[in-house]
């Protein structure tokens, strides 16, 4: 009985990991799409003579996300994650332009 139970748990874990891997691939695709659009936005800002960093826009993005957050993710963790994403996009805009 113990071997069957361990095997069952092992299979369940493998299935969960497959699902996580799929989600990670989707996230990667979305992050790259986000960065591409951020780079295009940076190009527009440069042509208009605007600064790359817009603290008001960043605050607006974070607040909208927190209002939409109805999942298990705590708002403070959501903000940490998106501050990194936004920071990477901003840094890429700065380096590119």
PDB file of N, CA and C in Angstrom:
ATOM      1  N   UNK A   1       0.810  -1.214   0.000  1.00  0.00           N
ATOM      2  CA  UNK A   1       0.000   0.000   0.000  1.00  0.00           C
ATOM      3  C   UNK A   1       0.850   1.274   0.000  1.00  0.00           C
ATOM      4  N   UNK A   2       1.939   1.288   0.794  1.00  0.00           N
ATOM      5  CA  UNK A   2       2.782   2.480   0.846  1.00  0.00           C
ATOM      6  C   UNK A   2       3.397   2.793  -0.509  1.00  0.00           C
ATOM      7  N   UNK A   3       3.836   1.782  -1.242  1.00  0.00           N
ATOM      8  CA  UNK A   3       4.457   1.994  -2.548  1.00  0.00           C
ATOM      9  C   UNK A   3       3.472   2.598  -3.540  1.00  0.00           C
ATOM     10  N   UNK A   4       2.243   2.112  -3.507  1.00  0.00           N
ATOM     11  CA  UNK A   4       1.208   2.654  -4.391  1.00  0.00           C
ATOM     12  C   UNK A   4       0.948   4.116  -4.036  1.00  0.00           C
ATOM     13  N   UNK A   5       0.874   4.405  -2.773  1.00  0.00           N
ATOM     14  CA  UNK A   5       0.623   5.758  -2.327  1.00  0.00           C
ATOM     15  C   UNK A   5       1.767   6.690  -2.741  1.00  0.00           C
ATOM     16  N   UNK A   6       3.011   6.253  -2.567  1.00  0.00           N
ATOM     17  CA  UNK A   6       4.152   7.068  -2.969  1.00  0.00           C
ATOM     18  C   UNK A   6       4.173   7.266  -4.480  1.00  0.00           C
ATOM     19  N   UNK A   7       3.862   6.225  -5.215  1.00  0.00           N
ATOM     20  CA  UNK A   7       3.821   6.320  -6.671  1.00  0.00           C
ATOM     21  C   UNK A   7       2.729   7.298  -7.102  1.00  0.00           C
ATOM     22  N   UNK A   8       1.584   7.200  -6.454  1.00  0.00           N
ATOM     23  CA  UNK A   8       0.475   8.105  -6.759  1.00  0.00           C
ATOM     24  C   UNK A   8       0.874   9.554  -6.492  1.00  0.00           C
ATOM     25  N   UNK A   9       1.496   9.794  -5.355  1.00  0.00           N
ATOM     26  CA  UNK A   9       1.938  11.147  -5.034  1.00  0.00           C
ATOM     27  C   UNK A   9       3.007  11.625  -6.007  1.00  0.00           C
ATOM     28  N   UNK A  10       3.886  10.739  -6.399  1.00  0.00           N
ATOM     29  CA  UNK A  10       4.933  11.080  -7.355  1.00  0.00           C
ATOM     30  C   UNK A  10       4.325  11.476  -8.701  1.00  0.00           C
ATOM     31  N   UNK A  11       3.327  10.736  -9.145  1.00  0.00           N
ATOM     32  CA  UNK A  11       2.647  11.060 -10.406  1.00  0.00           C
ATOM     33  C   UNK A  11       1.891  12.378 -10.311  1.00  0.00           C
ATOM     34  N   UNK A  12       1.256  12.604  -9.169  1.00  0.00           N
ATOM     35  CA  UNK A  12       0.535  13.867  -8.977  1.00  0.00           C
ATOM     36  C   UNK A  12       1.506  15.043  -9.005  1.00  0.00           C
ATOM     37  N   UNK A  13       2.661  14.860  -8.365  1.00  0.00           N
ATOM     38  CA  UNK A  13       3.665  15.914  -8.360  1.00  0.00           C
ATOM     39  C   UNK A  13       4.177  16.180  -9.771  1.00  0.00           C
ATOM     40  N   UNK A  14       4.408  15.126 -10.545  1.00  0.00           N
ATOM     41  CA  UNK A  14       4.857  15.291 -11.930  1.00  0.00           C
ATOM     42  C   UNK A  14       3.830  16.068 -12.738  1.00  0.00           C
ATOM     43  N   UNK A  15       2.568  15.775 -12.544  1.00  0.00           N
ATOM     44  CA  UNK A  15       1.505  16.485 -13.270  1.00  0.00           C
ATOM     45  C   UNK A  15       1.462  17.961 -12.876  1.00  0.00           C
ATOM     46  N   UNK A  16       1.599  18.231 -11.579  1.00  0.00           N
ATOM     47  CA  UNK A  16       1.605  19.626 -11.124  1.00  0.00           C
ATOM     48  C   UNK A  16       2.801  20.376 -11.724  1.00  0.00           C
ATOM     49  N   UNK A  17       3.949  19.709 -11.772  1.00  0.00           N
ATOM     50  CA  UNK A  17       5.142  20.342 -12.342  1.00  0.00           C
ATOM     51  C   UNK A  17       4.976  20.601 -13.830  1.00  0.00           C
ATOM     52  N   UNK A  18       4.311  19.700 -14.529  1.00  0.00           N
ATOM     53  CA  UNK A  18       4.040  19.927 -15.951  1.00  0.00           C
ATOM     54  C   UNK A  18       3.166  21.161 -16.137  1.00  0.00           C
ATOM     55  N   UNK A  19       2.167  21.307 -15.282  1.00  0.00           N
ATOM     56  CA  UNK A  19       1.279  22.469 -15.357  1.00  0.00           C
ATOM     57  C   UNK A  19       2.045  23.753 -15.068  1.00  0.00           C
ATOM     58  N   UNK A  20       2.932  23.709 -14.080  1.00  0.00           N
ATOM     59  CA  UNK A  20       3.745  24.880 -13.755  1.00  0.00           C
ATOM     60  C   UNK A  20       4.653  25.226 -14.929  1.00  0.00           C
ATOM     61  N   UNK A  21       5.264  24.221 -15.528  1.00  0.00           N
ATOM     62  CA  UNK A  21       6.134  24.453 -16.692  1.00  0.00           C
ATOM     63  C   UNK A  21       5.366  25.119 -17.831  1.00  0.00           C
ATOM     64  N   UNK A  22       4.147  24.694 -18.061  1.00  0.00           N
ATOM     65  CA  UNK A  22       3.323  25.285 -19.110  1.00  0.00           C
ATOM     66  C   UNK A  22       3.011  26.749 -18.793  1.00  0.00           C
ATOM     67  N   UNK A  23       2.651  27.011 -17.560  1.00  0.00           N
ATOM     68  CA  UNK A  23       2.359  28.382 -17.136  1.00  0.00           C
ATOM     69  C   UNK A  23       3.609  29.242 -17.266  1.00  0.00           C
ATOM     70  N   UNK A  24       4.759  28.698 -16.871  1.00  0.00           N
ATOM     71  CA  UNK A  24       6.018  29.450 -16.992  1.00  0.00           C
ATOM     72  C   UNK A  24       6.307  29.818 -18.436  1.00  0.00           C
ATOM     73  N   UNK A  25       6.059  28.906 -19.356  1.00  0.00           N
ATOM     74  CA  UNK A  25       6.282  29.206 -20.777  1.00  0.00           C
ATOM     75  C   UNK A  25       5.333  30.311 -21.246  1.00  0.00           C
ATOM     76  N   UNK A  26       4.095  30.261 -20.792  1.00  0.00           N
ATOM     77  CA  UNK A  26       3.135  31.307 -21.154  1.00  0.00           C
ATOM     78  C   UNK A  26       3.561  32.652 -20.574  1.00  0.00           C
ATOM     79  N   UNK A  27       4.012  32.636 -19.311  1.00  0.00           N
ATOM     80  CA  UNK A  27       4.491  33.872 -18.687  1.00  0.00           C
ATOM     81  C   UNK A  27       5.680  34.442 -19.449  1.00  0.00           C
ATOM     82  N   UNK A  28       6.580  33.581 -19.861  1.00  0.00           N
ATOM     83  CA  UNK A  28       7.752  34.024 -20.621  1.00  0.00           C
ATOM     84  C   UNK A  28       7.331  34.714 -21.917  1.00  0.00           C
ATOM     85  N   UNK A  29       6.389  34.120 -22.615  1.00  0.00           N
ATOM     86  CA  UNK A  29       5.873  34.727 -23.842  1.00  0.00           C
ATOM     87  C   UNK A  29       5.261  36.100 -23.550  1.00  0.00           C
ATOM     88  N   UNK A  30       4.466  36.188 -22.506  1.00  0.00           N
ATOM     89  CA  UNK A  30       3.821  37.456 -22.151  1.00  0.00           C
ATOM     90  C   UNK A  30       4.834  38.498 -21.702  1.00  0.00           C
ATOM     91  N   UNK A  31       5.845  38.079 -20.950  1.00  0.00           N
ATOM     92  CA  UNK A  31       6.870  39.027 -20.513  1.00  0.00           C
ATOM     93  C   UNK A  31       7.638  39.591 -21.700  1.00  0.00           C
ATOM     94  N   UNK A  32       7.941  38.752 -22.669  1.00  0.00           N
ATOM     95  CA  UNK A  32       8.617  39.231 -23.869  1.00  0.00           C
ATOM     96  C   UNK A  32       7.725  40.167 -24.682  1.00  0.00           C
ATOM     97  N   UNK A  33       6.438  39.884 -24.736  1.00  0.00           N
ATOM     98  CA  UNK A  33       5.505  40.784 -25.420  1.00  0.00           C
ATOM     99  C   UNK A  33       5.447  42.126 -24.703  1.00  0.00           C
ATOM    100  N   UNK A  34       5.413  42.077 -23.378  1.00  0.00           N
ATOM    101  CA  UNK A  34       5.367  43.304 -22.588  1.00  0.00           C
ATOM    102  C   UNK A  34       6.614  44.139 -22.837  1.00  0.00           C
ATOM    103  N   UNK A  35       7.767  43.487 -22.843  1.00  0.00           N
ATOM    104  CA  UNK A  35       9.022  44.204 -23.064  1.00  0.00           C
ATOM    105  C   UNK A  35       9.061  44.826 -24.460  1.00  0.00           C
ATOM    106  N   UNK A  36       8.602  44.100 -25.459  1.00  0.00           N
ATOM    107  CA  UNK A  36       8.584  44.635 -26.819  1.00  0.00           C
ATOM    108  C   UNK A  36       7.748  45.914 -26.874  1.00  0.00           C
ATOM    109  N   UNK A  37       6.592  45.891 -26.252  1.00  0.00           N
ATOM    110  CA  UNK A  37       5.719  47.074 -26.249  1.00  0.00           C
ATOM    111  C   UNK A  37       6.352  48.202 -25.437  1.00  0.00           C
ATOM    112  N   UNK A  38       7.005  47.860 -24.322  1.00  0.00           N
ATOM    113  CA  UNK A  38       7.692  48.874 -23.522  1.00  0.00           C
ATOM    114  C   UNK A  38       8.804  49.541 -24.328  1.00  0.00           C
ATOM    115  N   UNK A  39       9.530  48.741 -25.111  1.00  0.00           N
ATOM    116  CA  UNK A  39      10.586  49.312 -25.955  1.00  0.00           C
ATOM    117  C   UNK A  39       9.994  50.242 -27.008  1.00  0.00           C
ATOM    118  N   UNK A  40       8.875  49.860 -27.579  1.00  0.00           N
ATOM    119  CA  UNK A  40       8.201  50.720 -28.559  1.00  0.00           C
ATOM    120  C   UNK A  40       7.731  52.015 -27.884  1.00  0.00           C
ATOM    121  N   UNK A  41       7.231  51.897 -26.655  1.00  0.00           N
ATOM    122  CA  UNK A  41       6.806  53.082 -25.899  1.00  0.00           C
ATOM    123  C   UNK A  41       7.993  53.994 -25.614  1.00  0.00           C
ATOM    124  N   UNK A  42       9.128  53.366 -25.278  1.00  0.00           N
ATOM    125  CA  UNK A  42      10.345  54.135 -25.028  1.00  0.00           C
ATOM    126  C   UNK A  42      10.787  54.915 -26.246  1.00  0.00           C
ATOM    127  N   UNK A  43      10.640  54.308 -27.412  1.00  0.00           N
ATOM    128  CA  UNK A  43      10.990  54.988 -28.659  1.00  0.00           C
ATOM    129  C   UNK A  43      10.095  56.204 -28.869  1.00  0.00           C
ATOM    130  N   UNK A  44       8.816  56.056 -28.598  1.00  0.00           N
ATOM    131  CA  UNK A  44       7.874  57.182 -28.721  1.00  0.00           C
ATOM    132  C   UNK A  44       8.241  58.286 -27.735  1.00  0.00           C
ATOM    133  N   UNK A  45       8.541  57.890 -26.486  1.00  0.00           N
ATOM    134  CA  UNK A  45       8.927  58.880 -25.470  1.00  0.00           C
ATOM    135  C   UNK A  45      10.173  59.647 -25.912  1.00  0.00           C
ATOM    136  N   UNK A  46      11.143  58.940 -26.466  1.00  0.00           N
ATOM    137  CA  UNK A  46      12.386  59.580 -26.910  1.00  0.00           C
ATOM    138  C   UNK A  46      12.092  60.608 -28.004  1.00  0.00           C
ATOM    139  N   UNK A  47      11.268  60.233 -28.965  1.00  0.00           N
ATOM    140  CA  UNK A  47      10.931  61.135 -30.065  1.00  0.00           C
ATOM    141  C   UNK A  47      10.177  62.367 -29.573  1.00  0.00           C
ATOM    142  N   UNK A  48       9.436  62.198 -28.488  1.00  0.00           N
ATOM    143  CA  UNK A  48       8.673  63.316 -27.920  1.00  0.00           C
ATOM    144  C   UNK A  48       9.479  64.103 -26.895  1.00  0.00           C
ATOM    145  N   UNK A  49      10.698  63.617 -26.606  1.00  0.00           N
ATOM    146  CA  UNK A  49      11.553  64.303 -25.637  1.00  0.00           C
ATOM    147  C   UNK A  49      11.136  64.061 -24.194  1.00  0.00           C
ATOM    148  N   UNK A  50      10.431  62.972 -23.954  1.00  0.00           N
ATOM    149  CA  UNK A  50       9.974  62.653 -22.604  1.00  0.00           C
ATOM    150  C   UNK A  50      10.960  61.728 -21.902  1.00  0.00           C
ATOM    151  N   UNK A  51      10.908  61.750 -20.568  1.00  0.00           N
ATOM    152  CA  UNK A  51      11.744  60.863 -19.775  1.00  0.00           C
ATOM    153  C   UNK A  51      11.184  59.443 -19.822  1.00  0.00           C
ATOM    154  N   UNK A  52      12.085  58.482 -19.696  1.00  0.00           N
ATOM    155  CA  UNK A  52      11.663  57.079 -19.674  1.00  0.00           C
ATOM    156  C   UNK A  52      10.881  56.783 -18.399  1.00  0.00           C
ATOM    157  N   UNK A  53      11.395  57.257 -17.274  1.00  0.00           N
ATOM    158  CA  UNK A  53      10.769  56.958 -15.981  1.00  0.00           C
ATOM    159  C   UNK A  53       9.633  57.923 -15.704  1.00  0.00           C
ATOM    160  N   UNK A  54       8.457  57.361 -15.481  1.00  0.00           N
ATOM    161  CA  UNK A  54       7.268  58.139 -15.155  1.00  0.00           C
ATOM    162  C   UNK A  54       6.671  57.547 -13.877  1.00  0.00           C
ATOM    163  N   UNK A  55       7.046  58.096 -12.714  1.00  0.00           N
ATOM    164  CA  UNK A  55       6.582  57.516 -11.447  1.00  0.00           C
ATOM    165  C   UNK A  55       5.056  57.492 -11.316  1.00  0.00           C
ATOM    166  N   UNK A  56       4.388  58.475 -11.890  1.00  0.00           N
ATOM    167  CA  UNK A  56       2.923  58.502 -11.830  1.00  0.00           C
ATOM    168  C   UNK A  56       2.318  57.328 -12.582  1.00  0.00           C
ATOM    169  N   UNK A  57       2.872  57.043 -13.743  1.00  0.00           N
ATOM    170  CA  UNK A  57       2.381  55.905 -14.548  1.00  0.00           C
ATOM    171  C   UNK A  57       2.651  54.593 -13.822  1.00  0.00           C
ATOM    172  N   UNK A  58       3.835  54.467 -13.229  1.00  0.00           N
ATOM    173  CA  UNK A  58       4.164  53.246 -12.492  1.00  0.00           C
ATOM    174  C   UNK A  58       3.193  53.040 -11.329  1.00  0.00           C
ATOM    175  N   UNK A  59       2.913  54.095 -10.609  1.00  0.00           N
ATOM    176  CA  UNK A  59       1.961  54.014  -9.486  1.00  0.00           C
ATOM    177  C   UNK A  59       0.575  53.610  -9.988  1.00  0.00           C
ATOM    178  N   UNK A  60       0.165  54.206 -11.106  1.00  0.00           N
ATOM    179  CA  UNK A  60      -1.130  53.891 -11.705  1.00  0.00           C
ATOM    180  C   UNK A  60      -1.225  52.406 -12.086  1.00  0.00           C
ATOM    181  N   UNK A  61      -0.170  51.885 -12.716  1.00  0.00           N
ATOM    182  CA  UNK A  61      -0.142  50.475 -13.118  1.00  0.00           C
ATOM    183  C   UNK A  61      -0.274  49.571 -11.892  1.00  0.00           C
ATOM    184  N   UNK A  62       0.503  49.864 -10.859  1.00  0.00           N
ATOM    185  CA  UNK A  62       0.484  49.032  -9.653  1.00  0.00           C
ATOM    186  C   UNK A  62      -0.869  49.084  -8.955  1.00  0.00           C
ATOM    187  N   UNK A  63      -1.458  50.266  -8.881  1.00  0.00           N
ATOM    188  CA  UNK A  63      -2.764  50.398  -8.218  1.00  0.00           C
ATOM    189  C   UNK A  63      -3.853  49.646  -8.984  1.00  0.00           C
ATOM    190  N   UNK A  64      -3.838  49.742 -10.305  1.00  0.00           N
ATOM    191  CA  UNK A  64      -4.819  49.007 -11.120  1.00  0.00           C
ATOM    192  C   UNK A  64      -4.680  47.504 -10.907  1.00  0.00           C
ATOM    193  N   UNK A  65      -3.439  47.028 -10.877  1.00  0.00           N
ATOM    194  CA  UNK A  65      -3.213  45.600 -10.674  1.00  0.00           C
ATOM    195  C   UNK A  65      -3.722  45.144  -9.304  1.00  0.00           C
ATOM    196  N   UNK A  66      -3.470  45.944  -8.289  1.00  0.00           N
ATOM    197  CA  UNK A  66      -3.919  45.574  -6.944  1.00  0.00           C
ATOM    198  C   UNK A  66      -5.444  45.548  -6.861  1.00  0.00           C
ATOM    199  N   UNK A  67      -6.097  46.461  -7.558  1.00  0.00           N
ATOM    200  CA  UNK A  67      -7.560  46.464  -7.569  1.00  0.00           C
ATOM    201  C   UNK A  67      -8.117  45.227  -8.270  1.00  0.00           C
ATOM    202  N   UNK A  68      -7.413  44.771  -9.308  1.00  0.00           N
ATOM    203  CA  UNK A  68      -7.849  43.589 -10.072  1.00  0.00           C
ATOM    204  C   UNK A  68      -7.504  42.272  -9.372  1.00  0.00           C
ATOM    205  N   UNK A  69      -6.580  42.310  -8.430  1.00  0.00           N
ATOM    206  CA  UNK A  69      -6.091  41.095  -7.788  1.00  0.00           C
ATOM    207  C   UNK A  69      -7.165  40.464  -6.897  1.00  0.00           C
ATOM    208  N   UNK A  70      -7.659  39.340  -7.328  1.00  0.00           N
ATOM    209  CA  UNK A  70      -8.670  38.602  -6.550  1.00  0.00           C
ATOM    210  C   UNK A  70      -8.171  37.190  -6.222  1.00  0.00           C
ATOM    211  N   UNK A  71      -6.904  36.938  -6.459  1.00  0.00           N
ATOM    212  CA  UNK A  71      -6.345  35.606  -6.288  1.00  0.00           C
ATOM    213  C   UNK A  71      -5.663  35.423  -4.945  1.00  0.00           C
ATOM    214  N   UNK A  72      -4.823  34.417  -4.896  1.00  0.00           N
ATOM    215  CA  UNK A  72      -4.101  34.065  -3.683  1.00  0.00           C
ATOM    216  C   UNK A  72      -2.896  34.967  -3.428  1.00  0.00           C
ATOM    217  N   UNK A  73      -2.448  35.655  -4.456  1.00  0.00           N
ATOM    218  CA  UNK A  73      -1.269  36.496  -4.354  1.00  0.00           C
ATOM    219  C   UNK A  73      -1.565  37.724  -3.502  1.00  0.00           C
ATOM    220  N   UNK A  74      -0.744  37.937  -2.479  1.00  0.00           N
ATOM    221  CA  UNK A  74      -0.900  39.124  -1.633  1.00  0.00           C
ATOM    222  C   UNK A  74      -0.513  40.350  -2.447  1.00  0.00           C
ATOM    223  N   UNK A  75      -1.195  41.451  -2.183  1.00  0.00           N
ATOM    224  CA  UNK A  75      -0.915  42.681  -2.929  1.00  0.00           C
ATOM    225  C   UNK A  75       0.536  43.125  -2.776  1.00  0.00           C
ATOM    226  N   UNK A  76       1.106  42.925  -1.598  1.00  0.00           N
ATOM    227  CA  UNK A  76       2.502  43.329  -1.412  1.00  0.00           C
ATOM    228  C   UNK A  76       3.435  42.481  -2.276  1.00  0.00           C
ATOM    229  N   UNK A  77       3.127  41.194  -2.440  1.00  0.00           N
ATOM    230  CA  UNK A  77       3.930  40.330  -3.301  1.00  0.00           C
ATOM    231  C   UNK A  77       3.702  40.657  -4.770  1.00  0.00           C
ATOM    232  N   UNK A  78       2.459  40.951  -5.119  1.00  0.00           N
ATOM    233  CA  UNK A  78       2.134  41.375  -6.478  1.00  0.00           C
ATOM    234  C   UNK A  78       2.937  42.620  -6.843  1.00  0.00           C
ATOM    235  N   UNK A  79       2.983  43.568  -5.917  1.00  0.00           N
ATOM    236  CA  UNK A  79       3.725  44.803  -6.165  1.00  0.00           C
ATOM    237  C   UNK A  79       5.219  44.526  -6.321  1.00  0.00           C
ATOM    238  N   UNK A  80       5.774  43.647  -5.499  1.00  0.00           N
ATOM    239  CA  UNK A  80       7.197  43.301  -5.614  1.00  0.00           C
ATOM    240  C   UNK A  80       7.501  42.727  -7.000  1.00  0.00           C
ATOM    241  N   UNK A  81       6.669  41.804  -7.439  1.00  0.00           N
ATOM    242  CA  UNK A  81       6.866  41.153  -8.737  1.00  0.00           C
ATOM    243  C   UNK A  81       6.797  42.178  -9.860  1.00  0.00           C
ATOM    244  N   UNK A  82       5.771  43.018  -9.825  1.00  0.00           N
ATOM    245  CA  UNK A  82       5.603  43.976 -10.920  1.00  0.00           C
ATOM    246  C   UNK A  82       6.598  45.127 -10.859  1.00  0.00           C
ATOM    247  N   UNK A  83       7.099  45.457  -9.699  1.00  0.00           N
ATOM    248  CA  UNK A  83       8.164  46.468  -9.638  1.00  0.00           C
ATOM    249  C   UNK A  83       9.414  45.951 -10.353  1.00  0.00           C
ATOM    250  N   UNK A  84       9.685  44.657 -10.201  1.00  0.00           N
ATOM    251  CA  UNK A  84      10.833  44.069 -10.907  1.00  0.00           C
ATOM    252  C   UNK A  84      10.573  44.070 -12.413  1.00  0.00           C
ATOM    253  N   UNK A  85       9.386  43.633 -12.820  1.00  0.00           N
ATOM    254  CA  UNK A  85       9.045  43.599 -14.253  1.00  0.00           C
ATOM    255  C   UNK A  85       9.140  45.000 -14.855  1.00  0.00           C
ATOM    256  N   UNK A  86       8.551  45.961 -14.181  1.00  0.00           N
ATOM    257  CA  UNK A  86       8.573  47.345 -14.670  1.00  0.00           C
ATOM    258  C   UNK A  86      10.010  47.861 -14.701  1.00  0.00           C
ATOM    259  N   UNK A  87      10.774  47.548 -13.674  1.00  0.00           N
ATOM    260  CA  UNK A  87      12.170  47.987 -13.619  1.00  0.00           C
ATOM    261  C   UNK A  87      13.009  47.425 -14.752  1.00  0.00           C
ATOM    262  N   UNK A  88      12.803  46.149 -15.058  1.00  0.00           N
ATOM    263  CA  UNK A  88      13.537  45.526 -16.167  1.00  0.00           C
ATOM    264  C   UNK A  88      13.152  46.195 -17.487  1.00  0.00           C
ATOM    265  N   UNK A  89      11.885  46.452 -17.671  1.00  0.00           N
ATOM    266  CA  UNK A  89      11.434  47.118 -18.902  1.00  0.00           C
ATOM    267  C   UNK A  89      12.001  48.528 -18.995  1.00  0.00           C
ATOM    268  N   UNK A  90      11.998  49.243 -17.871  1.00  0.00           N
ATOM    269  CA  UNK A  90      12.537  50.601 -17.866  1.00  0.00           C
ATOM    270  C   UNK A  90      14.034  50.596 -18.167  1.00  0.00           C
ATOM    271  N   UNK A  91      14.754  49.658 -17.549  1.00  0.00           N
ATOM    272  CA  UNK A  91      16.197  49.551 -17.792  1.00  0.00           C
ATOM    273  C   UNK A  91      16.472  49.228 -19.258  1.00  0.00           C
ATOM    274  N   UNK A  92      15.671  48.364 -19.832  1.00  0.00           N
ATOM    275  CA  UNK A  92      15.831  48.016 -21.251  1.00  0.00           C
ATOM    276  C   UNK A  92      15.582  49.223 -22.143  1.00  0.00           C
ATOM    277  N   UNK A  93      14.611  50.035 -21.791  1.00  0.00           N
ATOM    278  CA  UNK A  93      14.341  51.247 -22.555  1.00  0.00           C
ATOM    279  C   UNK A  93      15.519  52.207 -22.462  1.00  0.00           C
ATOM    280  N   UNK A  94      16.104  52.321 -21.286  1.00  0.00           N
ATOM    281  CA  UNK A  94      17.224  53.230 -21.052  1.00  0.00           C
ATOM    282  C   UNK A  94      18.447  52.783 -21.846  1.00  0.00           C
ATOM    283  N   UNK A  95      18.708  51.489 -21.849  1.00  0.00           N
ATOM    284  CA  UNK A  95      19.871  50.950 -22.563  1.00  0.00           C
ATOM    285  C   UNK A  95      19.675  51.056 -24.064  1.00  0.00           C
ATOM    286  N   UNK A  96      18.451  50.795 -24.520  1.00  0.00           N
ATOM    287  CA  UNK A  96      18.155  50.798 -25.945  1.00  0.00           C
ATOM    288  C   UNK A  96      18.124  52.210 -26.514  1.00  0.00           C
ATOM    289  N   UNK A  97      17.661  53.158 -25.723  1.00  0.00           N
ATOM    290  CA  UNK A  97      17.478  54.511 -26.256  1.00  0.00           C
ATOM    291  C   UNK A  97      18.436  55.448 -25.614  1.00  0.00           C
TER     292      UNK A  97
END
